[in-house]
Amino acid sequence: MLRLITCQNATLLLEQQVDQPLARAVRVGLWLHLRYCPYCSRYARQTVLIAEWARTAAAVRATTGPVLPEAAKERMRQRLVAAR
C-alpha cells in the first residue's frame, strides 16, 4: 500500500537519497509527490544542483589544496619577519 508523503517528509527523503538509495516503494511515493507539488519539485532540482556543486568544489579542493589570497600571504610573511 502506498502512503502519501508530506512536504516535510519529501524534503527529508530528497536529502537522504543524495547519500543512500531509497527503497522502491519510498521512491515511488516521492515521485508521485514531486509530480504534484511544485515546491518540492523545485527543492528537488535545487538539491541536485547543490550536491553537484559540492562534489565539484570538493574535487577541485582535493587537487589544488586551499588557496590563500596574496594579501593574506604577505601579512603572514610580515608577521614571521617581525617575530624574529
C-alpha atoms as a PDB file:
ATOM      1  CA  MET A   1       0.000   0.000   0.000  1.00  0.00           C
ATOM      2  CA  LEU A   2       1.320   3.389  -0.998  1.00  0.00           C
ATOM      3  CA  ARG A   3       1.320   6.090   1.668  1.00  0.00           C
ATOM      4  CA  LEU A   4       1.033   9.772   0.891  1.00  0.00           C
ATOM      5  CA  ILE A   5       4.172  11.743   1.579  1.00  0.00           C
ATOM      6  CA  THR A   6       4.033  15.183   3.183  1.00  0.00           C
ATOM      7  CA  CYS A   7       6.216  18.045   2.027  1.00  0.00           C
ATOM      8  CA  GLN A   8       8.284  17.766   5.189  1.00  0.00           C
ATOM      9  CA  ASN A   9       8.915  14.053   4.580  1.00  0.00           C
ATOM     10  CA  ALA A  10       9.596  14.692   0.896  1.00  0.00           C
ATOM     11  CA  THR A  11      12.384  17.164   1.679  1.00  0.00           C
ATOM     12  CA  LEU A  12      13.936  14.748   4.163  1.00  0.00           C
ATOM     13  CA  LEU A  13      13.805  11.934   1.613  1.00  0.00           C
ATOM     14  CA  LEU A  14      15.349  14.152  -1.053  1.00  0.00           C
ATOM     15  CA  GLU A  15      18.270  14.868   1.258  1.00  0.00           C
ATOM     16  CA  GLN A  16      18.637  11.188   2.156  1.00  0.00           C
ATOM     17  CA  GLN A  17      18.677   9.979  -1.428  1.00  0.00           C
ATOM     18  CA  VAL A  18      21.766  12.070  -2.121  1.00  0.00           C
ATOM     19  CA  ASP A  19      23.712   9.822   0.265  1.00  0.00           C
ATOM     20  CA  GLN A  20      21.910   6.493   0.028  1.00  0.00           C
ATOM     21  CA  PRO A  21      19.394   4.783  -2.236  1.00  0.00           C
ATOM     22  CA  LEU A  22      15.758   4.755  -1.145  1.00  0.00           C
ATOM     23  CA  ALA A  23      13.532   1.688  -1.107  1.00  0.00           C
ATOM     24  CA  ARG A  24      11.436   1.264  -4.232  1.00  0.00           C
ATOM     25  CA  ALA A  25       8.090   1.957  -2.513  1.00  0.00           C
ATOM     26  CA  VAL A  26       9.504   5.125  -0.971  1.00  0.00           C
ATOM     27  CA  ARG A  27      10.921   6.259  -4.326  1.00  0.00           C
ATOM     28  CA  VAL A  28       7.528   5.765  -5.973  1.00  0.00           C
ATOM     29  CA  GLY A  29       5.768   7.738  -3.228  1.00  0.00           C
ATOM     30  CA  LEU A  30       8.322  10.513  -3.516  1.00  0.00           C
ATOM     31  CA  TRP A  31       7.986  10.555  -7.298  1.00  0.00           C
ATOM     32  CA  LEU A  32       4.207  10.906  -7.016  1.00  0.00           C
ATOM     33  CA  HIS A  33       4.570  13.723  -4.506  1.00  0.00           C
ATOM     34  CA  LEU A  34       7.036  15.560  -6.754  1.00  0.00           C
ATOM     35  CA  ARG A  35       4.693  15.239  -9.740  1.00  0.00           C
ATOM     36  CA  TYR A  36       2.004  17.229  -7.925  1.00  0.00           C
ATOM     37  CA  CYS A  37       3.933  19.555  -5.617  1.00  0.00           C
ATOM     38  CA  PRO A  38       5.742  22.372  -7.457  1.00  0.00           C
ATOM     39  CA  TYR A  39       7.516  23.491  -4.283  1.00  0.00           C
ATOM     40  CA  CYS A  40       9.072  20.133  -3.517  1.00  0.00           C
ATOM     41  CA  SER A  41       9.844  19.637  -7.200  1.00  0.00           C
ATOM     42  CA  ARG A  42      11.817  22.894  -7.167  1.00  0.00           C
ATOM     43  CA  TYR A  43      13.521  21.825  -3.941  1.00  0.00           C
ATOM     44  CA  ALA A  44      14.483  18.525  -5.588  1.00  0.00           C
ATOM     45  CA  ARG A  45      16.137  20.315  -8.507  1.00  0.00           C
ATOM     46  CA  GLN A  46      17.972  22.643  -6.120  1.00  0.00           C
ATOM     47  CA  THR A  47      19.169  19.708  -4.011  1.00  0.00           C
ATOM     48  CA  VAL A  48      20.656  18.021  -7.076  1.00  0.00           C
ATOM     49  CA  LEU A  49      22.419  21.236  -8.129  1.00  0.00           C
ATOM     50  CA  ILE A  50      23.827  21.860  -4.668  1.00  0.00           C
ATOM     51  CA  ALA A  51      25.102  18.274  -4.426  1.00  0.00           C
ATOM     52  CA  GLU A  52      26.782  18.605  -7.828  1.00  0.00           C
ATOM     53  CA  TRP A  53      28.384  21.919  -6.857  1.00  0.00           C
ATOM     54  CA  ALA A  54      29.608  20.469  -3.561  1.00  0.00           C
ATOM     55  CA  ARG A  55      31.158  17.446  -5.317  1.00  0.00           C
ATOM     56  CA  THR A  56      32.836  19.714  -7.863  1.00  0.00           C
ATOM     57  CA  ALA A  57      34.163  22.036  -5.169  1.00  0.00           C
ATOM     58  CA  ALA A  58      35.488  19.092  -3.159  1.00  0.00           C
ATOM     59  CA  ALA A  59      37.216  17.647  -6.219  1.00  0.00           C
ATOM     60  CA  VAL A  60      38.848  20.974  -7.072  1.00  0.00           C
ATOM     61  CA  ARG A  61      39.893  21.484  -3.469  1.00  0.00           C
ATOM     62  CA  ALA A  62      41.403  17.983  -3.332  1.00  0.00           C
ATOM     63  CA  THR A  63      43.545  18.621  -6.409  1.00  0.00           C
ATOM     64  CA  THR A  64      44.570  22.224  -5.769  1.00  0.00           C
ATOM     65  CA  GLY A  65      44.525  22.449  -1.977  1.00  0.00           C
ATOM     66  CA  PRO A  66      43.492  25.540  -0.081  1.00  0.00           C
ATOM     67  CA  VAL A  67      44.342  28.839  -1.741  1.00  0.00           C
ATOM     68  CA  LEU A  68      45.212  31.923   0.261  1.00  0.00           C
ATOM     69  CA  PRO A  69      44.908  35.380  -1.223  1.00  0.00           C
ATOM     70  CA  GLU A  70      48.219  37.138  -1.844  1.00  0.00           C
ATOM     71  CA  ALA A  71      47.363  39.799   0.754  1.00  0.00           C
ATOM     72  CA  ALA A  72      46.984  37.091   3.428  1.00  0.00           C
ATOM     73  CA  LYS A  73      50.308  35.525   2.417  1.00  0.00           C
ATOM     74  CA  GLU A  74      52.021  38.917   2.661  1.00  0.00           C
ATOM     75  CA  ARG A  75      50.593  39.544   6.154  1.00  0.00           C
ATOM     76  CA  MET A  76      51.902  36.149   7.250  1.00  0.00           C
ATOM     77  CA  ARG A  77      55.373  36.940   5.841  1.00  0.00           C
ATOM     78  CA  GLN A  78      55.436  40.268   7.650  1.00  0.00           C
ATOM     79  CA  ARG A  79      54.432  38.689  10.961  1.00  0.00           C
ATOM     80  CA  LEU A  80      57.072  35.973  10.586  1.00  0.00           C
ATOM     81  CA  VAL A  81      59.750  38.573   9.904  1.00  0.00           C
ATOM     82  CA  ALA A  82      58.580  40.714  12.829  1.00  0.00           C
ATOM     83  CA  ALA A  83      58.650  37.690  15.174  1.00  0.00           C
ATOM     84  CA  ARG A  84      62.390  37.036  14.524  1.00  0.00           C
END
